[in-house]
Amino acid sequence: MRKYADADIRHYWYIEDEDAVAVVHVYELDELTGVYAPAGIFRGTLQRPVPYEIDLDLRRLTPRHRS
């Protein structure tokens, strides 16, 4: 994350698999400190106004398992 902050990338999203469901950890670069601050953890739906408006159903990102 440090390299992204040093490159002035203002938004950092970390996506992980949590029990076969996508979970998004969102961070925003704090201009005063130059480090990322947590902006939320999203399960089910990701709704954010920045860096662009997005409304995403995270459940659709995970392949369905066949029985």
PDB file of N, CA and C in Angstrom:
ATOM      1  N   MET A   1       0.819  -1.193   0.000  1.00  0.00           N
ATOM      2  CA  MET A   1       0.000   0.000   0.000  1.00  0.00           C
ATOM      3  C   MET A   1       0.867   1.263   0.000  1.00  0.00           C
ATOM      4  N   ARG A   2       2.036   1.169   0.603  1.00  0.00           N
ATOM      5  CA  ARG A   2       2.911   2.335   0.687  1.00  0.00           C
ATOM      6  C   ARG A   2       3.281   2.851  -0.706  1.00  0.00           C
ATOM      7  N   LYS A   3       3.578   1.937  -1.628  1.00  0.00           N
ATOM      8  CA  LYS A   3       3.962   2.344  -2.988  1.00  0.00           C
ATOM      9  C   LYS A   3       2.808   3.055  -3.691  1.00  0.00           C
ATOM     10  N   TYR A   4       1.598   2.594  -3.472  1.00  0.00           N
ATOM     11  CA  TYR A   4       0.426   3.249  -4.066  1.00  0.00           C
ATOM     12  C   TYR A   4       0.245   4.644  -3.473  1.00  0.00           C
ATOM     13  N   ALA A   5       0.406   4.765  -2.175  1.00  0.00           N
ATOM     14  CA  ALA A   5       0.281   6.070  -1.529  1.00  0.00           C
ATOM     15  C   ALA A   5       1.372   7.021  -2.030  1.00  0.00           C
ATOM     16  N   ASP A   6       2.596   6.518  -2.156  1.00  0.00           N
ATOM     17  CA  ASP A   6       3.701   7.334  -2.662  1.00  0.00           C
ATOM     18  C   ASP A   6       3.444   7.795  -4.095  1.00  0.00           C
ATOM     19  N   ALA A   7       2.699   7.004  -4.858  1.00  0.00           N
ATOM     20  CA  ALA A   7       2.356   7.358  -6.237  1.00  0.00           C
ATOM     21  C   ALA A   7       1.123   8.257  -6.298  1.00  0.00           C
ATOM     22  N   ASP A   8       0.597   8.643  -5.131  1.00  0.00           N
ATOM     23  CA  ASP A   8      -0.567   9.530  -5.017  1.00  0.00           C
ATOM     24  C   ASP A   8      -1.841   8.912  -5.599  1.00  0.00           C
ATOM     25  N   ILE A   9      -1.956   7.611  -5.461  1.00  0.00           N
ATOM     26  CA  ILE A   9      -3.191   6.923  -5.849  1.00  0.00           C
ATOM     27  C   ILE A   9      -4.146   7.076  -4.681  1.00  0.00           C
ATOM     28  N   ARG A  10      -5.207   7.818  -4.888  1.00  0.00           N
ATOM     29  CA  ARG A  10      -6.056   8.272  -3.792  1.00  0.00           C
ATOM     30  C   ARG A  10      -7.029   7.226  -3.249  1.00  0.00           C
ATOM     31  N   HIS A  11      -7.345   6.229  -4.044  1.00  0.00           N
ATOM     32  CA  HIS A  11      -8.312   5.216  -3.607  1.00  0.00           C
ATOM     33  C   HIS A  11      -7.703   3.836  -3.793  1.00  0.00           C
ATOM     34  N   TYR A  12      -7.810   3.020  -2.745  1.00  0.00           N
ATOM     35  CA  TYR A  12      -7.238   1.677  -2.752  1.00  0.00           C
ATOM     36  C   TYR A  12      -8.330   0.726  -2.300  1.00  0.00           C
ATOM     37  N   TRP A  13      -8.631  -0.250  -3.146  1.00  0.00           N
ATOM     38  CA  TRP A  13      -9.641  -1.257  -2.800  1.00  0.00           C
ATOM     39  C   TRP A  13      -8.956  -2.615  -2.743  1.00  0.00           C
ATOM     40  N   TYR A  14      -9.177  -3.324  -1.672  1.00  0.00           N
ATOM     41  CA  TYR A  14      -8.649  -4.672  -1.498  1.00  0.00           C
ATOM     42  C   TYR A  14      -9.842  -5.621  -1.497  1.00  0.00           C
ATOM     43  N   ILE A  15      -9.850  -6.570  -2.430  1.00  0.00           N
ATOM     44  CA  ILE A  15     -10.971  -7.505  -2.556  1.00  0.00           C
ATOM     45  C   ILE A  15     -10.501  -8.878  -2.121  1.00  0.00           C
ATOM     46  N   GLU A  16     -11.267  -9.492  -1.231  1.00  0.00           N
ATOM     47  CA  GLU A  16     -10.912 -10.827  -0.770  1.00  0.00           C
ATOM     48  C   GLU A  16     -12.127 -11.747  -0.821  1.00  0.00           C
ATOM     49  N   ASP A  17     -11.836 -13.011  -0.758  1.00  0.00           N
ATOM     50  CA  ASP A  17     -12.865 -14.052  -0.761  1.00  0.00           C
ATOM     51  C   ASP A  17     -13.150 -14.413   0.699  1.00  0.00           C
ATOM     52  N   GLU A  18     -14.392 -14.245   1.092  1.00  0.00           N
ATOM     53  CA  GLU A  18     -14.802 -14.591   2.450  1.00  0.00           C
ATOM     54  C   GLU A  18     -15.940 -15.594   2.348  1.00  0.00           C
ATOM     55  N   ASP A  19     -15.625 -16.860   2.520  1.00  0.00           N
ATOM     56  CA  ASP A  19     -16.625 -17.929   2.407  1.00  0.00           C
ATOM     57  C   ASP A  19     -17.334 -17.887   1.059  1.00  0.00           C
ATOM     58  N   ALA A  20     -16.538 -17.754  -0.009  1.00  0.00           N
ATOM     59  CA  ALA A  20     -17.015 -17.755  -1.406  1.00  0.00           C
ATOM     60  C   ALA A  20     -17.843 -16.522  -1.761  1.00  0.00           C
ATOM     61  N   VAL A  21     -17.665 -15.444  -0.999  1.00  0.00           N
ATOM     62  CA  VAL A  21     -18.344 -14.182  -1.286  1.00  0.00           C
ATOM     63  C   VAL A  21     -17.288 -13.079  -1.311  1.00  0.00           C
ATOM     64  N   ALA A  22     -17.380 -12.180  -2.296  1.00  0.00           N
ATOM     65  CA  ALA A  22     -16.433 -11.070  -2.398  1.00  0.00           C
ATOM     66  C   ALA A  22     -16.693 -10.048  -1.295  1.00  0.00           C
ATOM     67  N   VAL A  23     -15.620  -9.632  -0.644  1.00  0.00           N
ATOM     68  CA  VAL A  23     -15.664  -8.580   0.366  1.00  0.00           C
ATOM     69  C   VAL A  23     -14.659  -7.520  -0.063  1.00  0.00           C
ATOM     70  N   VAL A  24     -15.079  -6.251  -0.067  1.00  0.00           N
ATOM     71  CA  VAL A  24     -14.220  -5.160  -0.528  1.00  0.00           C
ATOM     72  C   VAL A  24     -13.863  -4.259   0.649  1.00  0.00           C
ATOM     73  N   HIS A  25     -12.566  -4.104   0.876  1.00  0.00           N
ATOM     74  CA  HIS A  25     -12.041  -3.187   1.883  1.00  0.00           C
ATOM     75  C   HIS A  25     -11.623  -1.927   1.135  1.00  0.00           C
ATOM     76  N   VAL A  26     -12.192  -0.797   1.514  1.00  0.00           N
ATOM     77  CA  VAL A  26     -11.961   0.465   0.802  1.00  0.00           C
ATOM     78  C   VAL A  26     -11.133   1.398   1.689  1.00  0.00           C
ATOM     79  N   TYR A  27     -10.111   1.985   1.079  1.00  0.00           N
ATOM     80  CA  TYR A  27      -9.243   2.940   1.765  1.00  0.00           C
ATOM     81  C   TYR A  27      -9.139   4.203   0.917  1.00  0.00           C
ATOM     82  N   GLU A  28      -9.010   5.344   1.594  1.00  0.00           N
ATOM     83  CA  GLU A  28      -8.818   6.625   0.914  1.00  0.00           C
ATOM     84  C   GLU A  28      -7.549   7.268   1.448  1.00  0.00           C
ATOM     85  N   LEU A  29      -6.782   7.852   0.552  1.00  0.00           N
ATOM     86  CA  LEU A  29      -5.521   8.475   0.923  1.00  0.00           C
ATOM     87  C   LEU A  29      -5.776   9.782   1.685  1.00  0.00           C
ATOM     88  N   ASP A  30      -5.217   9.871   2.870  1.00  0.00           N
ATOM     89  CA  ASP A  30      -5.316  11.087   3.672  1.00  0.00           C
ATOM     90  C   ASP A  30      -4.239  12.051   3.186  1.00  0.00           C
ATOM     91  N   GLU A  31      -4.655  13.214   2.720  1.00  0.00           N
ATOM     92  CA  GLU A  31      -3.707  14.166   2.136  1.00  0.00           C
ATOM     93  C   GLU A  31      -2.715  14.712   3.164  1.00  0.00           C
ATOM     94  N   LEU A  32      -3.137  14.860   4.406  1.00  0.00           N
ATOM     95  CA  LEU A  32      -2.249  15.418   5.434  1.00  0.00           C
ATOM     96  C   LEU A  32      -1.150  14.453   5.850  1.00  0.00           C
ATOM     97  N   THR A  33      -1.517  13.180   6.024  1.00  0.00           N
ATOM     98  CA  THR A  33      -0.538  12.203   6.517  1.00  0.00           C
ATOM     99  C   THR A  33       0.122  11.414   5.391  1.00  0.00           C
ATOM    100  N   GLY A  34      -0.530  11.345   4.215  1.00  0.00           N
ATOM    101  CA  GLY A  34       0.023  10.576   3.103  1.00  0.00           C
ATOM    102  C   GLY A  34      -0.142   9.078   3.259  1.00  0.00           C
ATOM    103  N   VAL A  35      -1.018   8.659   4.174  1.00  0.00           N
ATOM    104  CA  VAL A  35      -1.283   7.223   4.362  1.00  0.00           C
ATOM    105  C   VAL A  35      -2.771   6.967   4.148  1.00  0.00           C
ATOM    106  N   TYR A  36      -3.088   5.697   3.917  1.00  0.00           N
ATOM    107  CA  TYR A  36      -4.478   5.330   3.677  1.00  0.00           C
ATOM    108  C   TYR A  36      -5.253   5.221   4.984  1.00  0.00           C
ATOM    109  N   ALA A  37      -6.492   5.711   4.935  1.00  0.00           N
ATOM    110  CA  ALA A  37      -7.418   5.592   6.061  1.00  0.00           C
ATOM    111  C   ALA A  37      -8.567   4.687   5.629  1.00  0.00           C
ATOM    112  N   PRO A  38      -9.011   3.776   6.489  1.00  0.00           N
ATOM    113  CA  PRO A  38     -10.137   2.913   6.131  1.00  0.00           C
ATOM    114  C   PRO A  38     -11.387   3.742   5.841  1.00  0.00           C
ATOM    115  N   ALA A  39     -12.089   3.376   4.764  1.00  0.00           N
ATOM    116  CA  ALA A  39     -13.318   4.080   4.389  1.00  0.00           C
ATOM    117  C   ALA A  39     -14.519   3.142   4.397  1.00  0.00           C
ATOM    118  N   GLY A  40     -14.303   1.858   4.694  1.00  0.00           N
ATOM    119  CA  GLY A  40     -15.414   0.932   4.797  1.00  0.00           C
ATOM    120  C   GLY A  40     -15.070  -0.467   4.343  1.00  0.00           C
ATOM    121  N   ILE A  41     -15.852  -1.402   4.833  1.00  0.00           N
ATOM    122  CA  ILE A  41     -15.780  -2.800   4.403  1.00  0.00           C
ATOM    123  C   ILE A  41     -17.160  -3.138   3.864  1.00  0.00           C
ATOM    124  N   PHE A  42     -17.198  -3.641   2.645  1.00  0.00           N
ATOM    125  CA  PHE A  42     -18.474  -3.856   1.970  1.00  0.00           C
ATOM    126  C   PHE A  42     -18.701  -5.327   1.688  1.00  0.00           C
ATOM    127  N   ARG A  43     -19.865  -5.788   2.100  1.00  0.00           N
ATOM    128  CA  ARG A  43     -20.327  -7.156   1.843  1.00  0.00           C
ATOM    129  C   ARG A  43     -21.700  -7.043   1.203  1.00  0.00           C
ATOM    130  N   GLY A  44     -21.965  -7.850   0.206  1.00  0.00           N
ATOM    131  CA  GLY A  44     -23.280  -7.825  -0.436  1.00  0.00           C
ATOM    132  C   GLY A  44     -23.373  -6.781  -1.520  1.00  0.00           C
ATOM    133  N   THR A  45     -23.220  -5.509  -1.138  1.00  0.00           N
ATOM    134  CA  THR A  45     -23.314  -4.406  -2.098  1.00  0.00           C
ATOM    135  C   THR A  45     -22.209  -3.394  -1.836  1.00  0.00           C
ATOM    136  N   LEU A  46     -21.589  -2.930  -2.897  1.00  0.00           N
ATOM    137  CA  LEU A  46     -20.599  -1.868  -2.812  1.00  0.00           C
ATOM    138  C   LEU A  46     -21.218  -0.612  -3.396  1.00  0.00           C
ATOM    139  N   GLN A  47     -21.423   0.380  -2.553  1.00  0.00           N
ATOM    140  CA  GLN A  47     -21.970   1.664  -2.998  1.00  0.00           C
ATOM    141  C   GLN A  47     -21.015   2.755  -2.552  1.00  0.00           C
ATOM    142  N   ARG A  48     -20.460   3.471  -3.535  1.00  0.00           N
ATOM    143  CA  ARG A  48     -19.490   4.526  -3.244  1.00  0.00           C
ATOM    144  C   ARG A  48     -19.708   5.702  -4.182  1.00  0.00           C
ATOM    145  N   PRO A  49     -19.527   6.926  -3.685  1.00  0.00           N
ATOM    146  CA  PRO A  49     -19.613   8.100  -4.552  1.00  0.00           C
ATOM    147  C   PRO A  49     -18.264   8.478  -5.176  1.00  0.00           C
ATOM    148  N   VAL A  50     -17.158   7.967  -4.607  1.00  0.00           N
ATOM    149  CA  VAL A  50     -15.819   8.294  -5.106  1.00  0.00           C
ATOM    150  C   VAL A  50     -14.987   7.025  -5.245  1.00  0.00           C
ATOM    151  N   PRO A  51     -14.058   6.870  -6.126  1.00  0.00           N
ATOM    152  CA  PRO A  51     -13.612   7.889  -7.070  1.00  0.00           C
ATOM    153  C   PRO A  51     -14.596   8.131  -8.213  1.00  0.00           C
ATOM    154  N   TYR A  52     -15.592   7.289  -8.300  1.00  0.00           N
ATOM    155  CA  TYR A  52     -16.707   7.480  -9.236  1.00  0.00           C
ATOM    156  C   TYR A  52     -17.907   6.795  -8.604  1.00  0.00           C
ATOM    157  N   GLU A  53     -19.081   7.205  -9.002  1.00  0.00           N
ATOM    158  CA  GLU A  53     -20.289   6.618  -8.412  1.00  0.00           C
ATOM    159  C   GLU A  53     -20.429   5.173  -8.876  1.00  0.00           C
ATOM    160  N   ILE A  54     -20.591   4.285  -7.894  1.00  0.00           N
ATOM    161  CA  ILE A  54     -20.714   2.863  -8.207  1.00  0.00           C
ATOM    162  C   ILE A  54     -21.739   2.232  -7.267  1.00  0.00           C
ATOM    163  N   ASP A  55     -22.502   1.320  -7.810  1.00  0.00           N
ATOM    164  CA  ASP A  55     -23.458   0.519  -7.048  1.00  0.00           C
ATOM    165  C   ASP A  55     -23.346  -0.892  -7.618  1.00  0.00           C
ATOM    166  N   LEU A  56     -22.656  -1.753  -6.898  1.00  0.00           N
ATOM    167  CA  LEU A  56     -22.296  -3.072  -7.414  1.00  0.00           C
ATOM    168  C   LEU A  56     -22.770  -4.173  -6.484  1.00  0.00           C
ATOM    169  N   ASP A  57     -23.437  -5.167  -7.043  1.00  0.00           N
ATOM    170  CA  ASP A  57     -23.867  -6.340  -6.280  1.00  0.00           C
ATOM    171  C   ASP A  57     -22.680  -7.300  -6.216  1.00  0.00           C
ATOM    172  N   LEU A  58     -22.020  -7.357  -5.078  1.00  0.00           N
ATOM    173  CA  LEU A  58     -20.820  -8.170  -4.926  1.00  0.00           C
ATOM    174  C   LEU A  58     -21.103  -9.667  -5.035  1.00  0.00           C
ATOM    175  N   ARG A  59     -22.323 -10.070  -4.749  1.00  0.00           N
ATOM    176  CA  ARG A  59     -22.668 -11.494  -4.834  1.00  0.00           C
ATOM    177  C   ARG A  59     -22.580 -11.998  -6.270  1.00  0.00           C
ATOM    178  N   ARG A  60     -22.717 -11.105  -7.223  1.00  0.00           N
ATOM    179  CA  ARG A  60     -22.652 -11.505  -8.633  1.00  0.00           C
ATOM    180  C   ARG A  60     -21.218 -11.692  -9.114  1.00  0.00           C
ATOM    181  N   LEU A  61     -20.247 -11.276  -8.312  1.00  0.00           N
ATOM    182  CA  LEU A  61     -18.844 -11.423  -8.687  1.00  0.00           C
ATOM    183  C   LEU A  61     -18.301 -12.808  -8.400  1.00  0.00           C
ATOM    184  N   THR A  62     -19.003 -13.555  -7.598  1.00  0.00           N
ATOM    185  CA  THR A  62     -18.554 -14.877  -7.182  1.00  0.00           C
ATOM    186  C   THR A  62     -19.246 -15.945  -8.012  1.00  0.00           C
ATOM    187  N   PRO A  63     -18.470 -16.826  -8.644  1.00  0.00           N
ATOM    188  CA  PRO A  63     -19.100 -17.888  -9.433  1.00  0.00           C
ATOM    189  C   PRO A  63     -19.996 -18.761  -8.560  1.00  0.00           C
ATOM    190  N   ARG A  64     -21.099 -19.160  -9.129  1.00  0.00           N
ATOM    191  CA  ARG A  64     -21.992 -20.070  -8.401  1.00  0.00           C
ATOM    192  C   ARG A  64     -21.425 -21.470  -8.455  1.00  0.00           C
ATOM    193  N   HIS A  65     -21.561 -22.150  -7.332  1.00  0.00           N
ATOM    194  CA  HIS A  65     -21.074 -23.523  -7.257  1.00  0.00           C
ATOM    195  C   HIS A  65     -22.148 -24.478  -7.769  1.00  0.00           C
ATOM    196  N   ARG A  66     -21.710 -25.414  -8.572  1.00  0.00           N
ATOM    197  CA  ARG A  66     -22.657 -26.404  -9.077  1.00  0.00           C
ATOM    198  C   ARG A  66     -22.827 -27.529  -8.072  1.00  0.00           C
ATOM    199  N   SER A  67     -24.040 -27.999  -7.938  1.00  0.00           N
ATOM    200  CA  SER A  67     -24.332 -29.094  -6.985  1.00  0.00           C
ATOM    201  C   SER A  67     -24.063 -30.424  -7.625  1.00  0.00           C
TER     202      SER A  67
END
